All heavy atoms as atom14 arrays in JSON, in Angstrom:
{
  "sequence": "LVIGDFDCDGATSTALSVLALRAMGARQVDYLVPNRFEYGYGLTPEIV",
  "atom14_mask": [
    [1, 1, 1, 1, 1, 1, 1, 1, 0, 0, 0, 0, 0, 0],
    [1, 1, 1, 1, 1, 1, 1, 0, 0, 0, 0, 0, 0, 0],
    [1, 1, 1, 1, 1, 1, 1, 1, 0, 0, 0, 0, 0, 0],
    [1, 1, 1, 1, 0, 0, 0, 0, 0, 0, 0, 0, 0, 0],
    [1, 1, 1, 1, 1, 1, 1, 1, 0, 0, 0, 0, 0, 0],
    [1, 1, 1, 1, 1, 1, 1, 1, 1, 1, 1, 0, 0, 0],
    [1, 1, 1, 1, 1, 1, 1, 1, 0, 0, 0, 0, 0, 0],
    [1, 1, 1, 1, 1, 1, 0, 0, 0, 0, 0, 0, 0, 0],
    [1, 1, 1, 1, 1, 1, 1, 1, 0, 0, 0, 0, 0, 0],
    [1, 1, 1, 1, 0, 0, 0, 0, 0, 0, 0, 0, 0, 0],
    [1, 1, 1, 1, 1, 0, 0, 0, 0, 0, 0, 0, 0, 0],
    [1, 1, 1, 1, 1, 1, 1, 0, 0, 0, 0, 0, 0, 0],
    [1, 1, 1, 1, 1, 1, 0, 0, 0, 0, 0, 0, 0, 0],
    [1, 1, 1, 1, 1, 1, 1, 0, 0, 0, 0, 0, 0, 0],
    [1, 1, 1, 1, 1, 0, 0, 0, 0, 0, 0, 0, 0, 0],
    [1, 1, 1, 1, 1, 1, 1, 1, 0, 0, 0, 0, 0, 0],
    [1, 1, 1, 1, 1, 1, 0, 0, 0, 0, 0, 0, 0, 0],
    [1, 1, 1, 1, 1, 1, 1, 0, 0, 0, 0, 0, 0, 0],
    [1, 1, 1, 1, 1, 1, 1, 1, 0, 0, 0, 0, 0, 0],
    [1, 1, 1, 1, 1, 0, 0, 0, 0, 0, 0, 0, 0, 0],
    [1, 1, 1, 1, 1, 1, 1, 1, 0, 0, 0, 0, 0, 0],
    [1, 1, 1, 1, 1, 1, 1, 1, 1, 1, 1, 0, 0, 0],
    [1, 1, 1, 1, 1, 0, 0, 0, 0, 0, 0, 0, 0, 0],
    [1, 1, 1, 1, 1, 1, 1, 1, 0, 0, 0, 0, 0, 0],
    [1, 1, 1, 1, 0, 0, 0, 0, 0, 0, 0, 0, 0, 0],
    [1, 1, 1, 1, 1, 0, 0, 0, 0, 0, 0, 0, 0, 0],
    [1, 1, 1, 1, 1, 1, 1, 1, 1, 1, 1, 0, 0, 0],
    [1, 1, 1, 1, 1, 1, 1, 1, 1, 0, 0, 0, 0, 0],
    [1, 1, 1, 1, 1, 1, 1, 0, 0, 0, 0, 0, 0, 0],
    [1, 1, 1, 1, 1, 1, 1, 1, 0, 0, 0, 0, 0, 0],
    [1, 1, 1, 1, 1, 1, 1, 1, 1, 1, 1, 1, 0, 0],
    [1, 1, 1, 1, 1, 1, 1, 1, 0, 0, 0, 0, 0, 0],
    [1, 1, 1, 1, 1, 1, 1, 0, 0, 0, 0, 0, 0, 0],
    [1, 1, 1, 1, 1, 1, 1, 0, 0, 0, 0, 0, 0, 0],
    [1, 1, 1, 1, 1, 1, 1, 1, 0, 0, 0, 0, 0, 0],
    [1, 1, 1, 1, 1, 1, 1, 1, 1, 1, 1, 0, 0, 0],
    [1, 1, 1, 1, 1, 1, 1, 1, 1, 1, 1, 0, 0, 0],
    [1, 1, 1, 1, 1, 1, 1, 1, 1, 0, 0, 0, 0, 0],
    [1, 1, 1, 1, 1, 1, 1, 1, 1, 1, 1, 1, 0, 0],
    [1, 1, 1, 1, 0, 0, 0, 0, 0, 0, 0, 0, 0, 0],
    [1, 1, 1, 1, 1, 1, 1, 1, 1, 1, 1, 1, 0, 0],
    [1, 1, 1, 1, 0, 0, 0, 0, 0, 0, 0, 0, 0, 0],
    [1, 1, 1, 1, 1, 1, 1, 1, 0, 0, 0, 0, 0, 0],
    [1, 1, 1, 1, 1, 1, 1, 0, 0, 0, 0, 0, 0, 0],
    [1, 1, 1, 1, 1, 1, 1, 0, 0, 0, 0, 0, 0, 0],
    [1, 1, 1, 1, 1, 1, 1, 1, 1, 0, 0, 0, 0, 0],
    [1, 1, 1, 1, 1, 1, 1, 1, 0, 0, 0, 0, 0, 0],
    [1, 1, 1, 1, 1, 1, 1, 0, 0, 0, 0, 0, 0, 0]
  ],
  "atom14_positions": [
    [[111.9, 105.11, 118.86], [110.65, 104.57, 118.32], [110.26, 105.33, 117.12], [110.03, 106.57, 117.17], [109.55, 104.54, 119.35], [108.21, 103.93, 118.91], [108.38, 102.42, 118.66], [107.11, 104.19, 119.93], [0.0, 0.0, 0.0], [0.0, 0.0, 0.0], [0.0, 0.0, 0.0], [0.0, 0.0, 0.0], [0.0, 0.0, 0.0], [0.0, 0.0, 0.0]],
    [[110.21, 104.68, 115.93], [109.77, 105.3, 114.67], [108.26, 105.09, 114.51], [107.77, 103.94, 114.59], [110.53, 104.65, 113.5], [110.05, 105.26, 112.16], [112.03, 104.82, 113.68], [0.0, 0.0, 0.0], [0.0, 0.0, 0.0], [0.0, 0.0, 0.0], [0.0, 0.0, 0.0], [0.0, 0.0, 0.0], [0.0, 0.0, 0.0], [0.0, 0.0, 0.0]],
    [[107.52, 106.16, 114.26], [106.08, 106.04, 114.1], [105.75, 106.49, 112.67], [106.01, 107.67, 112.3], [105.3, 106.88, 115.17], [105.58, 106.34, 116.55], [103.8, 106.87, 114.82], [104.76, 106.95, 117.62], [0.0, 0.0, 0.0], [0.0, 0.0, 0.0], [0.0, 0.0, 0.0], [0.0, 0.0, 0.0], [0.0, 0.0, 0.0], [0.0, 0.0, 0.0]],
    [[105.27, 105.55, 111.88], [105.06, 105.81, 110.45], [103.62, 105.95, 110.08], [102.71, 105.94, 110.92], [0.0, 0.0, 0.0], [0.0, 0.0, 0.0], [0.0, 0.0, 0.0], [0.0, 0.0, 0.0], [0.0, 0.0, 0.0], [0.0, 0.0, 0.0], [0.0, 0.0, 0.0], [0.0, 0.0, 0.0], [0.0, 0.0, 0.0], [0.0, 0.0, 0.0]],
    [[103.41, 106.05, 108.77], [102.06, 106.17, 108.18], [101.73, 104.84, 107.62], [102.57, 103.94, 107.43], [102.05, 107.26, 107.13], [100.63, 107.6, 106.66], [99.65, 107.23, 107.33], [100.52, 108.24, 105.56], [0.0, 0.0, 0.0], [0.0, 0.0, 0.0], [0.0, 0.0, 0.0], [0.0, 0.0, 0.0], [0.0, 0.0, 0.0], [0.0, 0.0, 0.0]],
    [[100.41, 104.66, 107.29], [99.97, 103.34, 106.81], [99.84, 103.23, 105.31], [99.02, 102.48, 104.83], [98.64, 102.97, 107.54], [97.66, 104.1, 107.74], [97.09, 104.73, 106.65], [97.38, 104.54, 108.97], [96.22, 105.81, 106.79], [96.49, 105.6, 109.18], [95.9, 106.27, 108.08], [0.0, 0.0, 0.0], [0.0, 0.0, 0.0], [0.0, 0.0, 0.0]],
    [[100.64, 104.0, 104.59], [100.68, 103.84, 103.11], [102.08, 103.41, 102.72], [102.97, 103.23, 103.56], [100.19, 105.06, 102.37], [101.13, 106.27, 102.62], [102.16, 106.14, 103.32], [100.84, 107.35, 102.05], [0.0, 0.0, 0.0], [0.0, 0.0, 0.0], [0.0, 0.0, 0.0], [0.0, 0.0, 0.0], [0.0, 0.0, 0.0], [0.0, 0.0, 0.0]],
    [[102.32, 103.34, 101.37], [103.63, 102.83, 100.9], [104.74, 103.74, 101.25], [105.83, 103.33, 101.59], [103.52, 102.59, 99.39], [104.93, 101.77, 98.73], [0.0, 0.0, 0.0], [0.0, 0.0, 0.0], [0.0, 0.0, 0.0], [0.0, 0.0, 0.0], [0.0, 0.0, 0.0], [0.0, 0.0, 0.0], [0.0, 0.0, 0.0], [0.0, 0.0, 0.0]],
    [[104.52, 105.07, 101.14], [105.52, 106.04, 101.53], [105.85, 105.87, 103.03], [107.01, 105.83, 103.42], [105.03, 107.46, 101.25], [106.1, 108.51, 101.42], [107.3, 108.18, 101.54], [105.74, 109.72, 101.47], [0.0, 0.0, 0.0], [0.0, 0.0, 0.0], [0.0, 0.0, 0.0], [0.0, 0.0, 0.0], [0.0, 0.0, 0.0], [0.0, 0.0, 0.0]],
    [[104.86, 105.74, 103.83], [105.09, 105.45, 105.24], [105.8, 104.18, 105.56], [106.67, 104.16, 106.41], [0.0, 0.0, 0.0], [0.0, 0.0, 0.0], [0.0, 0.0, 0.0], [0.0, 0.0, 0.0], [0.0, 0.0, 0.0], [0.0, 0.0, 0.0], [0.0, 0.0, 0.0], [0.0, 0.0, 0.0], [0.0, 0.0, 0.0], [0.0, 0.0, 0.0]],
    [[105.47, 103.11, 104.83], [106.11, 101.83, 105.02], [107.59, 101.87, 104.64], [108.45, 101.37, 105.37], [105.36, 100.74, 104.25], [0.0, 0.0, 0.0], [0.0, 0.0, 0.0], [0.0, 0.0, 0.0], [0.0, 0.0, 0.0], [0.0, 0.0, 0.0], [0.0, 0.0, 0.0], [0.0, 0.0, 0.0], [0.0, 0.0, 0.0], [0.0, 0.0, 0.0]],
    [[107.87, 102.51, 103.5], [109.31, 102.57, 103.08], [110.07, 103.5, 104.01], [111.25, 103.25, 104.28], [109.38, 103.05, 101.6], [108.59, 104.25, 101.44], [108.87, 101.99, 100.66], [0.0, 0.0, 0.0], [0.0, 0.0, 0.0], [0.0, 0.0, 0.0], [0.0, 0.0, 0.0], [0.0, 0.0, 0.0], [0.0, 0.0, 0.0], [0.0, 0.0, 0.0]],
    [[109.44, 104.57, 104.43], [110.05, 105.52, 105.38], [110.42, 104.79, 106.7], [111.52, 104.96, 107.25], [109.14, 106.7, 105.7], [108.86, 107.44, 104.52], [0.0, 0.0, 0.0], [0.0, 0.0, 0.0], [0.0, 0.0, 0.0], [0.0, 0.0, 0.0], [0.0, 0.0, 0.0], [0.0, 0.0, 0.0], [0.0, 0.0, 0.0], [0.0, 0.0, 0.0]],
    [[109.48, 104.0, 107.18], [109.69, 103.24, 108.45], [110.8, 102.21, 108.27], [111.72, 102.13, 109.12], [108.37, 102.58, 108.89], [107.33, 103.59, 109.02], [108.57, 101.85, 110.18], [0.0, 0.0, 0.0], [0.0, 0.0, 0.0], [0.0, 0.0, 0.0], [0.0, 0.0, 0.0], [0.0, 0.0, 0.0], [0.0, 0.0, 0.0], [0.0, 0.0, 0.0]],
    [[110.69, 101.43, 107.21], [111.74, 100.42, 106.98], [113.14, 101.02, 106.81], [114.09, 100.53, 107.39], [111.36, 99.6, 105.77], [0.0, 0.0, 0.0], [0.0, 0.0, 0.0], [0.0, 0.0, 0.0], [0.0, 0.0, 0.0], [0.0, 0.0, 0.0], [0.0, 0.0, 0.0], [0.0, 0.0, 0.0], [0.0, 0.0, 0.0], [0.0, 0.0, 0.0]],
    [[113.21, 102.13, 106.03], [114.47, 102.81, 105.85], [115.01, 103.24, 107.19], [116.23, 103.05, 107.46], [114.26, 104.01, 104.95], [115.42, 105.02, 104.85], [116.68, 104.39, 104.27], [115.0, 106.22, 104.05], [0.0, 0.0, 0.0], [0.0, 0.0, 0.0], [0.0, 0.0, 0.0], [0.0, 0.0, 0.0], [0.0, 0.0, 0.0], [0.0, 0.0, 0.0]],
    [[114.19, 103.86, 108.03], [114.67, 104.37, 109.32], [115.2, 103.28, 110.2], [116.28, 103.39, 110.79], [113.53, 105.07, 110.03], [112.96, 106.09, 109.27], [0.0, 0.0, 0.0], [0.0, 0.0, 0.0], [0.0, 0.0, 0.0], [0.0, 0.0, 0.0], [0.0, 0.0, 0.0], [0.0, 0.0, 0.0], [0.0, 0.0, 0.0], [0.0, 0.0, 0.0]],
    [[114.46, 102.16, 110.31], [114.82, 101.06, 111.19], [116.13, 100.45, 110.66], [117.09, 100.25, 111.47], [113.72, 100.01, 111.29], [114.21, 98.76, 111.94], [112.52, 100.64, 111.96], [0.0, 0.0, 0.0], [0.0, 0.0, 0.0], [0.0, 0.0, 0.0], [0.0, 0.0, 0.0], [0.0, 0.0, 0.0], [0.0, 0.0, 0.0], [0.0, 0.0, 0.0]],
    [[116.19, 100.15, 109.39], [117.37, 99.54, 108.78], [118.59, 100.42, 108.95], [119.7, 99.91, 109.34], [117.12, 99.2, 107.32], [116.12, 98.08, 107.01], [115.73, 98.12, 105.56], [116.69, 96.69, 107.4], [0.0, 0.0, 0.0], [0.0, 0.0, 0.0], [0.0, 0.0, 0.0], [0.0, 0.0, 0.0], [0.0, 0.0, 0.0], [0.0, 0.0, 0.0]],
    [[118.51, 101.7, 108.59], [119.69, 102.57, 108.6], [120.14, 102.86, 110.04], [121.35, 102.91, 110.3], [119.34, 103.86, 107.86], [0.0, 0.0, 0.0], [0.0, 0.0, 0.0], [0.0, 0.0, 0.0], [0.0, 0.0, 0.0], [0.0, 0.0, 0.0], [0.0, 0.0, 0.0], [0.0, 0.0, 0.0], [0.0, 0.0, 0.0], [0.0, 0.0, 0.0]],
    [[119.21, 103.07, 110.94], [119.59, 103.35, 112.35], [120.29, 102.14, 112.95], [121.32, 102.3, 113.64], [118.39, 103.75, 113.18], [117.82, 105.16, 112.88], [116.44, 105.33, 113.6], [118.78, 106.23, 113.3], [0.0, 0.0, 0.0], [0.0, 0.0, 0.0], [0.0, 0.0, 0.0], [0.0, 0.0, 0.0], [0.0, 0.0, 0.0], [0.0, 0.0, 0.0]],
    [[119.75, 101.01, 112.67], [120.45, 99.8, 113.19], [121.84, 99.62, 112.55], [122.79, 99.22, 113.23], [119.57, 98.57, 112.93], [118.33, 98.5, 113.84], [117.41, 97.34, 113.44], [116.22, 97.28, 114.34], [115.18, 96.51, 114.12], [115.12, 95.67, 113.06], [114.12, 96.5, 114.92], [0.0, 0.0, 0.0], [0.0, 0.0, 0.0], [0.0, 0.0, 0.0]],
    [[121.89, 99.87, 111.24], [123.19, 99.75, 110.54], [124.23, 100.76, 111.1], [125.42, 100.5, 111.07], [123.01, 99.93, 109.05], [0.0, 0.0, 0.0], [0.0, 0.0, 0.0], [0.0, 0.0, 0.0], [0.0, 0.0, 0.0], [0.0, 0.0, 0.0], [0.0, 0.0, 0.0], [0.0, 0.0, 0.0], [0.0, 0.0, 0.0], [0.0, 0.0, 0.0]],
    [[123.72, 101.9, 111.57], [124.63, 102.91, 112.1], [125.06, 102.58, 113.54], [125.9, 103.29, 114.11], [123.96, 104.28, 112.04], [123.85, 104.88, 110.66], [123.24, 106.58, 110.7], [122.65, 106.78, 108.98], [0.0, 0.0, 0.0], [0.0, 0.0, 0.0], [0.0, 0.0, 0.0], [0.0, 0.0, 0.0], [0.0, 0.0, 0.0], [0.0, 0.0, 0.0]],
    [[124.42, 101.6, 114.15], [124.84, 101.19, 115.5], [123.84, 101.44, 116.58], [124.19, 101.22, 117.8], [0.0, 0.0, 0.0], [0.0, 0.0, 0.0], [0.0, 0.0, 0.0], [0.0, 0.0, 0.0], [0.0, 0.0, 0.0], [0.0, 0.0, 0.0], [0.0, 0.0, 0.0], [0.0, 0.0, 0.0], [0.0, 0.0, 0.0], [0.0, 0.0, 0.0]],
    [[122.62, 101.96, 116.25], [121.6, 102.11, 117.26], [121.18, 100.75, 117.73], [120.71, 99.9, 116.92], [120.48, 102.95, 116.73], [0.0, 0.0, 0.0], [0.0, 0.0, 0.0], [0.0, 0.0, 0.0], [0.0, 0.0, 0.0], [0.0, 0.0, 0.0], [0.0, 0.0, 0.0], [0.0, 0.0, 0.0], [0.0, 0.0, 0.0], [0.0, 0.0, 0.0]],
    [[121.18, 100.47, 119.03], [120.83, 99.13, 119.49], [119.36, 98.96, 119.84], [118.89, 97.84, 119.9], [121.72, 98.83, 120.74], [123.22, 98.77, 120.4], [123.94, 98.01, 121.46], [123.75, 98.53, 122.83], [124.03, 97.86, 123.92], [124.55, 96.65, 123.82], [123.77, 98.41, 125.15], [0.0, 0.0, 0.0], [0.0, 0.0, 0.0], [0.0, 0.0, 0.0]],
    [[118.67, 100.03, 120.13], [117.29, 99.95, 120.5], [116.41, 100.79, 119.57], [116.23, 101.99, 119.76], [117.08, 100.43, 121.92], [117.77, 99.65, 123.0], [117.29, 100.09, 124.4], [116.22, 99.73, 124.86], [118.1, 100.89, 125.07], [0.0, 0.0, 0.0], [0.0, 0.0, 0.0], [0.0, 0.0, 0.0], [0.0, 0.0, 0.0], [0.0, 0.0, 0.0]],
    [[116.01, 100.17, 118.46], [115.18, 100.85, 117.48], [113.95, 99.93, 117.19], [114.13, 98.79, 116.78], [115.94, 101.08, 116.12], [115.05, 101.84, 115.18], [117.22, 101.83, 116.4], [0.0, 0.0, 0.0], [0.0, 0.0, 0.0], [0.0, 0.0, 0.0], [0.0, 0.0, 0.0], [0.0, 0.0, 0.0], [0.0, 0.0, 0.0], [0.0, 0.0, 0.0]],
    [[112.76, 100.5, 117.38], [111.55, 99.82, 117.08], [110.65, 100.75, 116.26], [110.95, 101.93, 116.1], [110.86, 99.33, 118.38], [111.61, 98.34, 119.13], [111.88, 97.21, 118.58], [111.99, 98.63, 120.32], [0.0, 0.0, 0.0], [0.0, 0.0, 0.0], [0.0, 0.0, 0.0], [0.0, 0.0, 0.0], [0.0, 0.0, 0.0], [0.0, 0.0, 0.0]],
    [[109.57, 100.17, 115.75], [108.62, 100.98, 115.0], [107.18, 100.68, 115.41], [106.91, 99.62, 116.03], [108.78, 100.78, 113.47], [108.21, 99.46, 113.01], [106.86, 99.33, 112.63], [109.02, 98.29, 112.89], [106.37, 98.12, 112.13], [108.52, 97.13, 112.44], [107.18, 97.03, 112.08], [106.68, 95.83, 111.61], [0.0, 0.0, 0.0], [0.0, 0.0, 0.0]],
    [[106.32, 101.64, 115.17], [104.92, 101.5, 115.46], [104.14, 102.2, 114.33], [104.49, 103.36, 114.0], [104.54, 102.11, 116.82], [103.08, 102.15, 117.26], [102.55, 100.74, 117.41], [102.98, 102.95, 118.53], [0.0, 0.0, 0.0], [0.0, 0.0, 0.0], [0.0, 0.0, 0.0], [0.0, 0.0, 0.0], [0.0, 0.0, 0.0], [0.0, 0.0, 0.0]],
    [[103.19, 101.52, 113.77], [102.34, 102.13, 112.73], [100.9, 102.05, 113.17], [100.43, 100.98, 113.48], [102.52, 101.41, 111.37], [101.55, 102.06, 110.31], [103.95, 101.57, 110.9], [0.0, 0.0, 0.0], [0.0, 0.0, 0.0], [0.0, 0.0, 0.0], [0.0, 0.0, 0.0], [0.0, 0.0, 0.0], [0.0, 0.0, 0.0], [0.0, 0.0, 0.0]],
    [[100.21, 103.19, 113.26], [98.83, 103.16, 113.76], [97.97, 102.34, 112.86], [98.07, 102.38, 111.62], [98.4, 104.65, 113.71], [99.68, 105.42, 113.62], [100.66, 104.57, 112.96], [0.0, 0.0, 0.0], [0.0, 0.0, 0.0], [0.0, 0.0, 0.0], [0.0, 0.0, 0.0], [0.0, 0.0, 0.0], [0.0, 0.0, 0.0], [0.0, 0.0, 0.0]],
    [[97.05, 101.54, 113.45], [96.01, 100.93, 112.67], [94.99, 101.99, 112.33], [94.43, 102.6, 113.18], [95.33, 99.79, 113.47], [94.28, 99.02, 112.69], [93.34, 99.63, 112.26], [94.5, 97.78, 112.49], [0.0, 0.0, 0.0], [0.0, 0.0, 0.0], [0.0, 0.0, 0.0], [0.0, 0.0, 0.0], [0.0, 0.0, 0.0], [0.0, 0.0, 0.0]],
    [[94.77, 102.23, 110.99], [93.95, 103.36, 110.55], [92.54, 103.28, 111.14], [91.86, 104.31, 111.3], [93.97, 103.46, 109.05], [93.16, 102.4, 108.38], [93.48, 102.33, 106.88], [93.25, 103.57, 106.17], [93.81, 103.87, 104.98], [94.59, 103.0, 104.43], [93.56, 105.0, 104.39], [0.0, 0.0, 0.0], [0.0, 0.0, 0.0], [0.0, 0.0, 0.0]],
    [[92.06, 102.09, 111.37], [90.67, 101.96, 111.83], [90.49, 102.19, 113.33], [89.43, 102.53, 113.82], [90.18, 100.49, 111.5], [90.48, 100.14, 110.06], [91.41, 99.14, 109.76], [89.86, 100.77, 109.0], [91.67, 98.82, 108.43], [90.1, 100.47, 107.72], [91.04, 99.49, 107.4], [0.0, 0.0, 0.0], [0.0, 0.0, 0.0], [0.0, 0.0, 0.0]],
    [[91.6, 102.03, 114.08], [91.5, 102.24, 115.56], [91.98, 103.59, 115.96], [91.42, 104.24, 116.89], [92.3, 101.16, 116.3], [91.81, 99.73, 116.1], [92.65, 98.75, 116.91], [93.05, 99.09, 118.0], [92.95, 97.65, 116.36], [0.0, 0.0, 0.0], [0.0, 0.0, 0.0], [0.0, 0.0, 0.0], [0.0, 0.0, 0.0], [0.0, 0.0, 0.0]],
    [[93.03, 104.12, 115.27], [93.7, 105.31, 115.78], [93.69, 106.48, 114.82], [94.05, 107.58, 115.22], [95.16, 104.98, 116.19], [95.28, 103.98, 117.21], [95.6, 102.66, 116.94], [95.08, 104.3, 118.57], [95.71, 101.69, 117.95], [95.17, 103.38, 119.59], [95.49, 102.08, 119.26], [95.62, 101.11, 120.26], [0.0, 0.0, 0.0], [0.0, 0.0, 0.0]],
    [[93.31, 106.25, 113.55], [93.29, 107.33, 112.59], [94.74, 107.65, 112.13], [95.66, 106.89, 112.35], [0.0, 0.0, 0.0], [0.0, 0.0, 0.0], [0.0, 0.0, 0.0], [0.0, 0.0, 0.0], [0.0, 0.0, 0.0], [0.0, 0.0, 0.0], [0.0, 0.0, 0.0], [0.0, 0.0, 0.0], [0.0, 0.0, 0.0], [0.0, 0.0, 0.0]],
    [[94.86, 108.84, 111.54], [96.09, 109.21, 110.91], [96.97, 110.08, 111.83], [96.51, 110.9, 112.6], [95.77, 110.05, 109.63], [96.95, 110.71, 109.03], [97.85, 109.98, 108.28], [97.21, 112.05, 109.22], [98.97, 110.59, 107.69], [98.33, 112.66, 108.66], [99.19, 111.92, 107.94], [100.32, 112.5, 107.36], [0.0, 0.0, 0.0], [0.0, 0.0, 0.0]],
    [[98.25, 109.79, 111.74], [99.26, 110.68, 112.42], [99.55, 110.3, 113.82], [99.07, 109.26, 114.36], [0.0, 0.0, 0.0], [0.0, 0.0, 0.0], [0.0, 0.0, 0.0], [0.0, 0.0, 0.0], [0.0, 0.0, 0.0], [0.0, 0.0, 0.0], [0.0, 0.0, 0.0], [0.0, 0.0, 0.0], [0.0, 0.0, 0.0], [0.0, 0.0, 0.0]],
    [[100.31, 111.16, 114.48], [100.71, 110.94, 115.87], [99.59, 111.53, 116.76], [99.67, 112.67, 117.15], [102.07, 111.65, 116.16], [102.64, 111.46, 117.52], [103.13, 110.04, 117.66], [103.79, 112.43, 117.81], [0.0, 0.0, 0.0], [0.0, 0.0, 0.0], [0.0, 0.0, 0.0], [0.0, 0.0, 0.0], [0.0, 0.0, 0.0], [0.0, 0.0, 0.0]],
    [[98.61, 110.72, 117.05], [97.52, 111.14, 117.88], [97.85, 110.9, 119.37], [98.77, 110.12, 119.67], [96.23, 110.35, 117.55], [96.47, 108.93, 117.78], [95.82, 110.49, 116.07], [0.0, 0.0, 0.0], [0.0, 0.0, 0.0], [0.0, 0.0, 0.0], [0.0, 0.0, 0.0], [0.0, 0.0, 0.0], [0.0, 0.0, 0.0], [0.0, 0.0, 0.0]],
    [[97.16, 111.55, 120.29], [97.36, 111.27, 121.7], [97.17, 109.8, 122.07], [97.89, 109.24, 122.91], [96.32, 112.14, 122.4], [96.12, 113.28, 121.46], [96.22, 112.72, 120.09], [0.0, 0.0, 0.0], [0.0, 0.0, 0.0], [0.0, 0.0, 0.0], [0.0, 0.0, 0.0], [0.0, 0.0, 0.0], [0.0, 0.0, 0.0], [0.0, 0.0, 0.0]],
    [[96.25, 109.12, 121.37], [95.99, 107.72, 121.61], [97.21, 106.87, 121.19], [97.58, 105.9, 121.88], [94.8, 107.24, 120.81], [93.46, 107.87, 121.32], [93.21, 109.27, 120.76], [93.99, 109.72, 119.9], [92.28, 109.92, 121.27], [0.0, 0.0, 0.0], [0.0, 0.0, 0.0], [0.0, 0.0, 0.0], [0.0, 0.0, 0.0], [0.0, 0.0, 0.0]],
    [[97.87, 107.25, 120.1], [99.07, 106.52, 119.68], [100.22, 106.8, 120.64], [101.01, 105.85, 120.93], [99.44, 106.91, 118.22], [98.55, 106.22, 117.24], [100.91, 106.56, 117.92], [98.65, 104.7, 117.25], [0.0, 0.0, 0.0], [0.0, 0.0, 0.0], [0.0, 0.0, 0.0], [0.0, 0.0, 0.0], [0.0, 0.0, 0.0], [0.0, 0.0, 0.0]],
    [[100.31, 107.99, 121.1], [101.38, 108.31, 122.11], [101.16, 107.49, 123.37], [102.14, 106.94, 123.94], [101.35, 109.8, 122.41], [102.28, 110.12, 123.59], [101.8, 110.64, 121.2], [0.0, 0.0, 0.0], [0.0, 0.0, 0.0], [0.0, 0.0, 0.0], [0.0, 0.0, 0.0], [0.0, 0.0, 0.0], [0.0, 0.0, 0.0], [0.0, 0.0, 0.0]]
  ]
}
């Protein structure tokens, strides 16, 4: 599970991770980006 940030750097980082990992043969790859209004920034306990 890739957990990104809610800006352009975070979006491109997340897309790159998902695309490249799948291209390398990872079969179970998903992503989650916190909604800034509900969870705030970063890997918070609520996001976990």
